[in-house]
Amino acid sequence: MVYANTVKGRFLSRPNRFIARVEIGDNEETVHVKNTSRCRELLIPGASVILALSDNPKRKTLYDLIAVYKEGLGWVNIDSQAPNALVKEWLLGGQSIFGRPDLIKPEYTHGHSRVDFYLECGKRRILIEVKGCTLEINGKGYFPDAPTERGVKHLRELTEAAAQGFECYIAFVITMPRVYEVFPNMDTHPAFGEALEEAVKAGVKVLCLPCQVEPDQLRISDLQGIPKTVTAPSYPQGAGRSDQPGKRGT
């Protein structure tokens, strides 16, 4: 996944969850933030950011804020649309753990809701729900960075689908470097961790997808040598205190 027409800037402030004030050269601009979570541990005044020029001339904001540099870690992509796009690219490229599926259907309607991806591989019927992980603490990834009732709902739907005979996955796309596993953030939203535990007991698999991150591009890394699935979640405590997460999750 490659972004066209990117520029580097300096983060100044975030008046609300949709926009930010950044400095580009000698100019101050209002830009769109492609992530509605607070990202407080990332969007710190003075932090370097990457902005992508919008191709919509009618927009009020010329740029999208897509990545921020975190000291001690590197570039973190915060584009909330990127994880699904990356998984689609990964599946279509034939390099995923599923090989080359016979059918790939994004936004698949199952029951009364939609699941990010439905695959058919021979007789296997596979459902994948995708979550992006941008919260890093001491080299580990945590999700969510803010309470997410929607995420809990998705896990319960996967649990039900697993009971119906589907092969189910929750895929955490880790859009930051050198982080290879994701844990439920029990301090921020224990209900998500509890729902994840129930899902795993029901047969839902947890798939951690580390990424190679550059300022203007992003791709799922070669998974060779990296555990492809986690069969049971872990619950390190203290994950949600130091970063003071916001009010929303995805």
Protein backbone atom coordinates (compact mmCIF):
# COMPACT_ATOMS: atom_id res chain seq x y z
CA MET A 1 0.00 0.00 0.00
CA VAL A 2 1.59 3.23 -1.18
CA TYR A 3 0.38 6.79 -0.55
CA ALA A 4 0.82 9.36 -3.31
CA ASN A 5 1.75 13.00 -2.77
CA THR A 6 2.91 12.92 0.84
CA VAL A 7 4.62 15.67 2.80
CA LYS A 8 6.20 15.82 6.24
CA GLY A 9 4.86 18.12 8.93
CA ARG A 10 4.93 18.81 12.64
CA PHE A 11 1.93 18.11 14.86
CA LEU A 12 0.66 21.08 16.87
CA SER A 13 -2.75 20.26 18.34
CA ARG A 14 -5.98 18.34 17.86
CA PRO A 15 -9.07 20.52 18.38
CA ASN A 16 -11.39 17.52 17.96
CA ARG A 17 -11.24 13.89 16.86
CA PHE A 18 -11.65 14.74 13.16
CA ILE A 19 -9.01 17.43 12.62
CA ALA A 20 -5.54 18.49 13.70
CA ARG A 21 -3.40 21.60 13.39
CA VAL A 22 0.00 20.91 11.83
CA GLU A 23 2.94 22.93 10.60
CA ILE A 24 4.06 22.31 7.03
CA GLY A 25 7.15 24.34 6.30
CA ASP A 26 6.34 27.87 7.43
CA ASN A 27 2.58 27.40 7.16
CA GLU A 28 0.02 26.17 9.69
CA GLU A 29 -2.69 23.94 8.24
CA THR A 30 -5.86 22.25 9.45
CA VAL A 31 -5.81 18.62 8.32
CA HIS A 32 -8.13 15.63 8.52
CA VAL A 33 -7.12 12.88 10.96
CA LYS A 34 -7.85 9.43 9.53
CA ASN A 35 -8.44 7.92 12.96
CA THR A 36 -11.16 8.94 15.42
CA SER A 37 -9.43 7.48 18.50
CA ARG A 38 -7.52 9.93 20.69
CA CYS A 39 -4.02 8.48 19.96
CA ARG A 40 -2.73 10.53 22.89
CA GLU A 41 0.47 8.51 23.19
CA LEU A 42 1.25 9.34 19.54
CA LEU A 43 -0.12 12.80 18.74
CA ILE A 44 2.18 14.80 20.98
CA PRO A 45 2.91 18.46 20.17
CA GLY A 46 6.09 18.64 18.13
CA ALA A 47 5.86 15.08 16.80
CA SER A 48 6.76 14.52 13.14
CA VAL A 49 3.79 13.49 11.02
CA ILE A 50 3.16 12.40 7.44
CA LEU A 51 0.34 13.98 5.45
CA ALA A 52 -1.22 12.74 2.22
CA LEU A 53 -2.64 15.29 -0.19
CA SER A 54 -6.34 14.67 -0.82
CA ASP A 55 -7.47 14.07 -4.40
CA ASN A 56 -10.81 15.76 -3.64
CA PRO A 57 -10.55 19.47 -4.54
CA LYS A 58 -13.91 20.22 -2.86
CA ARG A 59 -12.74 19.21 0.60
CA LYS A 60 -12.22 21.82 3.30
CA THR A 61 -8.97 20.16 4.38
CA LEU A 62 -6.23 19.60 1.81
CA TYR A 63 -4.40 16.84 3.70
CA ASP A 64 -4.99 13.61 5.60
CA LEU A 65 -2.78 12.85 8.60
CA ILE A 66 -1.74 9.23 8.04
CA ALA A 67 1.35 8.55 10.17
CA VAL A 68 3.22 9.86 13.19
CA TYR A 69 6.76 9.24 14.41
CA LYS A 70 6.99 7.77 17.91
CA GLU A 71 10.36 8.19 19.61
CA GLY A 72 12.02 4.85 20.31
CA LEU A 73 9.72 3.00 17.91
CA GLY A 74 9.52 4.65 14.49
CA TRP A 75 6.72 5.54 12.11
CA VAL A 76 3.22 4.44 13.17
CA ASN A 77 0.50 4.46 10.53
CA ILE A 78 -2.80 5.64 12.05
CA ASP A 79 -4.97 5.52 8.92
CA SER A 80 -8.00 3.54 10.14
CA GLN A 81 -8.81 2.46 6.59
CA ALA A 82 -5.38 0.93 6.04
CA PRO A 83 -5.79 -2.40 7.94
CA ASN A 84 -8.66 -3.64 5.75
CA ALA A 85 -6.91 -2.47 2.59
CA LEU A 86 -3.73 -4.27 3.66
CA VAL A 87 -5.53 -7.53 4.42
CA LYS A 88 -7.29 -7.40 1.05
CA GLU A 89 -3.94 -6.81 -0.66
CA TRP A 90 -2.39 -9.67 1.35
CA LEU A 91 -5.18 -12.09 0.44
CA LEU A 92 -5.21 -11.18 -3.25
CA GLY A 93 -1.42 -11.47 -3.46
CA GLY A 94 -1.51 -15.16 -2.60
CA GLN A 95 1.05 -14.73 0.19
CA SER A 96 -1.37 -15.14 3.08
CA ILE A 97 -1.66 -18.22 5.29
CA PHE A 98 -4.74 -19.09 3.24
CA GLY A 99 -2.82 -19.43 -0.03
CA ARG A 100 -4.99 -18.43 -2.96
CA PRO A 101 -8.64 -18.59 -1.85
CA ASP A 102 -11.27 -19.64 -4.38
CA LEU A 103 -13.41 -16.71 -3.27
CA ILE A 104 -12.68 -13.45 -1.43
CA LYS A 105 -15.70 -11.34 -0.52
CA PRO A 106 -15.16 -8.13 1.49
CA GLU A 107 -17.96 -6.70 3.65
CA TYR A 108 -19.74 -10.04 3.82
CA THR A 109 -23.25 -10.03 5.29
CA HIS A 110 -23.60 -12.71 7.95
CA GLY A 111 -26.74 -12.75 10.04
CA HIS A 112 -27.63 -9.17 10.93
CA SER A 113 -24.18 -7.68 10.46
CA ARG A 114 -21.19 -7.49 8.16
CA VAL A 115 -17.86 -9.24 8.56
CA ASP A 116 -14.77 -7.72 6.95
CA PHE A 117 -13.91 -10.76 4.79
CA TYR A 118 -15.47 -14.06 3.78
CA LEU A 119 -13.23 -16.63 2.07
CA GLU A 120 -13.77 -19.99 0.47
CA CYS A 121 -10.80 -22.34 0.25
CA GLY A 122 -12.10 -25.63 -1.06
CA LYS A 123 -14.67 -26.72 1.49
CA ARG A 124 -13.43 -24.26 4.11
CA ARG A 125 -15.73 -21.31 4.88
CA ILE A 126 -13.70 -18.58 6.55
CA LEU A 127 -14.70 -15.32 8.24
CA ILE A 128 -12.12 -12.66 9.12
CA GLU A 129 -12.72 -9.57 11.23
CA VAL A 130 -9.90 -7.00 10.99
CA LYS A 131 -8.66 -4.64 13.72
CA GLY A 132 -5.81 -2.14 13.48
CA CYS A 133 -3.36 -1.93 16.38
CA THR A 134 -1.43 1.32 16.97
CA LEU A 135 -0.91 1.18 20.75
CA GLU A 136 2.56 -0.02 21.84
CA ILE A 137 3.74 -0.35 25.43
CA ASN A 138 7.15 -1.88 26.19
CA GLY A 139 7.40 -3.56 22.80
CA LYS A 140 3.96 -5.18 22.92
CA GLY A 141 0.82 -4.24 21.03
CA TYR A 142 -2.48 -3.66 22.82
CA PHE A 143 -6.05 -3.41 21.60
CA PRO A 144 -8.23 -1.48 22.03
CA ASP A 145 -6.73 1.90 22.85
CA ALA A 146 -10.22 3.10 23.82
CA PRO A 147 -13.46 1.32 24.80
CA THR A 148 -15.06 -0.36 21.80
CA GLU A 149 -18.53 -1.86 22.14
CA ARG A 150 -18.42 -2.42 18.39
CA GLY A 151 -15.35 -4.63 18.85
CA VAL A 152 -17.10 -6.66 21.54
CA LYS A 153 -20.09 -7.12 19.22
CA HIS A 154 -17.81 -8.35 16.43
CA LEU A 155 -16.22 -10.94 18.74
CA ARG A 156 -19.60 -12.25 19.83
CA GLU A 157 -20.66 -12.57 16.20
CA LEU A 158 -17.51 -14.53 15.39
CA THR A 159 -18.18 -16.77 18.40
CA GLU A 160 -21.66 -17.54 17.07
CA ALA A 161 -20.34 -18.14 13.56
CA ALA A 162 -17.69 -20.57 14.87
CA ALA A 163 -20.49 -22.57 16.52
CA GLN A 164 -22.21 -22.69 13.11
CA GLY A 165 -19.18 -24.33 11.49
CA PHE A 166 -17.30 -21.33 10.07
CA GLU A 167 -13.53 -21.06 10.44
CA CYS A 168 -13.22 -17.71 12.18
CA TYR A 169 -10.35 -15.27 12.71
CA ILE A 170 -9.85 -11.92 14.33
CA ALA A 171 -6.86 -10.35 12.60
CA PHE A 172 -4.87 -7.63 14.34
CA VAL A 173 -2.94 -5.59 11.76
CA ILE A 174 0.01 -4.06 13.63
CA THR A 175 0.73 -0.81 11.78
CA MET A 176 4.00 -0.05 13.58
CA PRO A 177 7.49 -1.56 13.40
CA ARG A 178 9.06 -4.26 15.59
CA VAL A 179 5.82 -5.26 17.30
CA TYR A 180 4.76 -8.85 16.65
CA GLU A 181 1.98 -9.69 19.08
CA VAL A 182 -1.17 -8.05 20.39
CA PHE A 183 -2.77 -8.40 23.82
CA PRO A 184 -6.21 -7.30 25.02
CA ASN A 185 -6.03 -3.99 26.86
CA MET A 186 -7.76 -5.09 30.06
CA ASP A 187 -7.38 -1.76 31.84
CA THR A 188 -9.07 0.19 29.05
CA HIS A 189 -11.85 -2.26 28.13
CA PRO A 190 -11.99 -5.52 30.10
CA ALA A 191 -15.19 -6.55 28.30
CA PHE A 192 -13.22 -6.81 25.05
CA GLY A 193 -10.64 -9.08 26.68
CA GLU A 194 -13.37 -11.23 28.19
CA ALA A 195 -15.16 -11.49 24.84
CA LEU A 196 -11.87 -12.42 23.18
CA GLU A 197 -11.30 -15.18 25.71
CA GLU A 198 -14.80 -16.56 25.07
CA ALA A 199 -14.24 -16.37 21.31
CA VAL A 200 -10.99 -18.29 21.53
CA LYS A 201 -12.65 -20.97 23.67
CA ALA A 202 -15.29 -21.28 20.94
CA GLY A 203 -12.62 -21.84 18.28
CA VAL A 204 -11.98 -18.33 16.95
CA LYS A 205 -8.30 -17.89 16.07
CA VAL A 206 -6.31 -14.74 16.74
CA LEU A 207 -4.07 -13.70 13.87
CA CYS A 208 -1.32 -11.12 14.47
CA LEU A 209 -0.10 -9.42 11.29
CA PRO A 210 3.05 -7.31 11.77
CA CYS A 211 3.76 -4.66 9.17
CA GLN A 212 6.70 -3.08 7.42
CA VAL A 213 6.07 0.63 7.86
CA GLU A 214 7.60 3.49 5.88
CA PRO A 215 6.50 7.13 5.95
CA ASP A 216 4.56 6.79 2.69
CA GLN A 217 3.91 3.07 2.45
CA LEU A 218 2.79 0.06 4.41
CA ARG A 219 2.62 -3.69 3.88
CA ILE A 220 2.09 -6.85 5.88
CA SER A 221 5.48 -8.40 6.62
CA ASP A 222 6.67 -11.83 5.61
CA LEU A 223 5.29 -14.04 8.38
CA GLN A 224 8.01 -16.68 8.06
CA GLY A 225 9.38 -17.41 11.52
CA ILE A 226 6.62 -15.41 13.24
CA PRO A 227 3.77 -17.27 14.98
CA LYS A 228 0.81 -17.00 12.64
CA THR A 229 -1.96 -17.52 15.17
CA VAL A 230 -2.34 -17.12 18.90
CA THR A 231 -4.56 -19.80 20.38
CA ALA A 232 -5.21 -18.10 23.74
CA PRO A 233 -5.12 -14.45 24.77
CA SER A 234 -2.97 -13.14 27.59
CA TYR A 235 -3.90 -10.39 29.99
CA PRO A 236 -0.95 -8.23 31.08
CA GLN A 237 -2.22 -5.60 33.51
CA GLY A 238 -1.35 -1.92 33.45
CA ALA A 239 -1.73 -1.57 29.69
CA GLY A 240 -4.20 1.28 29.76
CA ARG A 241 -2.88 3.58 32.44
CA SER A 242 0.23 5.23 31.04
CA ASP A 243 -1.29 6.24 27.70
CA GLN A 244 -4.62 7.61 29.01
CA PRO A 245 -6.69 6.33 26.07
CA GLY A 246 -9.63 8.19 24.63
CA LYS A 247 -13.31 7.46 24.46
CA ARG A 248 -13.64 5.58 21.21
CA GLY A 249 -12.30 2.43 19.61
CA THR A 250 -12.72 0.64 16.30
